[in-house]
């Protein structure tokens, strides 16, 4: 799925005969696309003087998300519109239907005439078709609705890999559950029911704080999860709840700190033991949460050495799988792990002095240290935006409820 405004190709055949609507329909369609936030792709907007036009048009089509095909009487006989329609069909098939085809009949063209024309072989009559009325200036309502649906479907997705996972699981739910979830999330009605799981996945991943008792996210998840195959329920919860509840800015800050060459130190506020782990889940751009470890305080008499030993033992077990390795080998394996699976985080909930913090950074320069402060900490002590206490409580309640009812114990 494209991460910007949908690019929509406009296929038409120009004609200057008196009474022909084709150019007016083209211009009106372009205005519709522009006003709805889409990017129209039409020859008059990108062709340079003297440039071979049809090869360029076909190349532009390959970058588009959809096509409006204006089917005037002379377009039915146009070999270029015919070729563009074939390319549209191929793009739709190649993309498993994600490339949308929006045919519009322009009088006096009719469905019967379309079937008899060379375009009949492309089987556009199988698609839902809008009808431009004679003397009508603005696009038909069916085209406006289709373009609105497309704009909704192609919303910006900052986490495309996460979206793919969520969309897959939502698509395995029962159809009525998906439709009910869409209504709970206040999605507008759509005629593209085959793409409804995509739209629901987008809405589930939308950042939304808890504001009411009848929380749309919780209600939609409780409707969907019983009908999702059992082996996918926990992953759906793990993906959706942190992404909807924890701010995007928090994830960006954690990723930025985790990407620093040294001194990877982050501090967050959290009252519940699960919260830091959900923050790491939110920051993870991979299919699995970043590897993490929470050491114990250790003995007072040997506090620092014990802490370093715990962390080193965890790292060797995680990246060398228990095989003894030298310090240089461990460093190389840590870099390899980060490249392939993301950074490793050490979660520390107890206070340590600045000297020990500096030592940990020297000993383990490629590890992210996540220090957890309580809600009494001052804002200037924190390096990451965190949830207010009420929102943190709502996050944990929602996560635990869904896990216990549908995905195993939290």
Foldseek 3Di string as FASTA:
>chain_A
DDQAAFEEEEAFDDDDDPQFCGVLQVVQVCVLCVVLRHHYDYQVVDDDPPDPRLVVSLVVVVVGQEYEYEAEPVCLADPSSLVVLLSQLVVCVVVVNRHYYEYEYEPPDDPVNSCVGPSVVSVPVVDDYHYDDRPDRHGGPVVSQVSNVNRLLNHRDPQVVLLVLLLVQLLQFDLVLLVVLCVLLVPDDHPPSVCSSSNSSVSLLAADFDDDPSGSNLVSLVSGQVRGPQVSQLLNLLSRLLSHQWDPQQLVLLQVLLPDQFDSEFEDADDDPCVVQSSQSNNFSDSDGAAEEEDDQDDPVCRLVVVLVVVVCVLCCVQVVPDDDDLVVSVVSQVVCCVPPNAYEYEYADDDDPVSSVVVRVSCGNYHYYYYDHPVDDPVVGSGDGDDPVRNVVSVVSSQVSCVVRNDGD
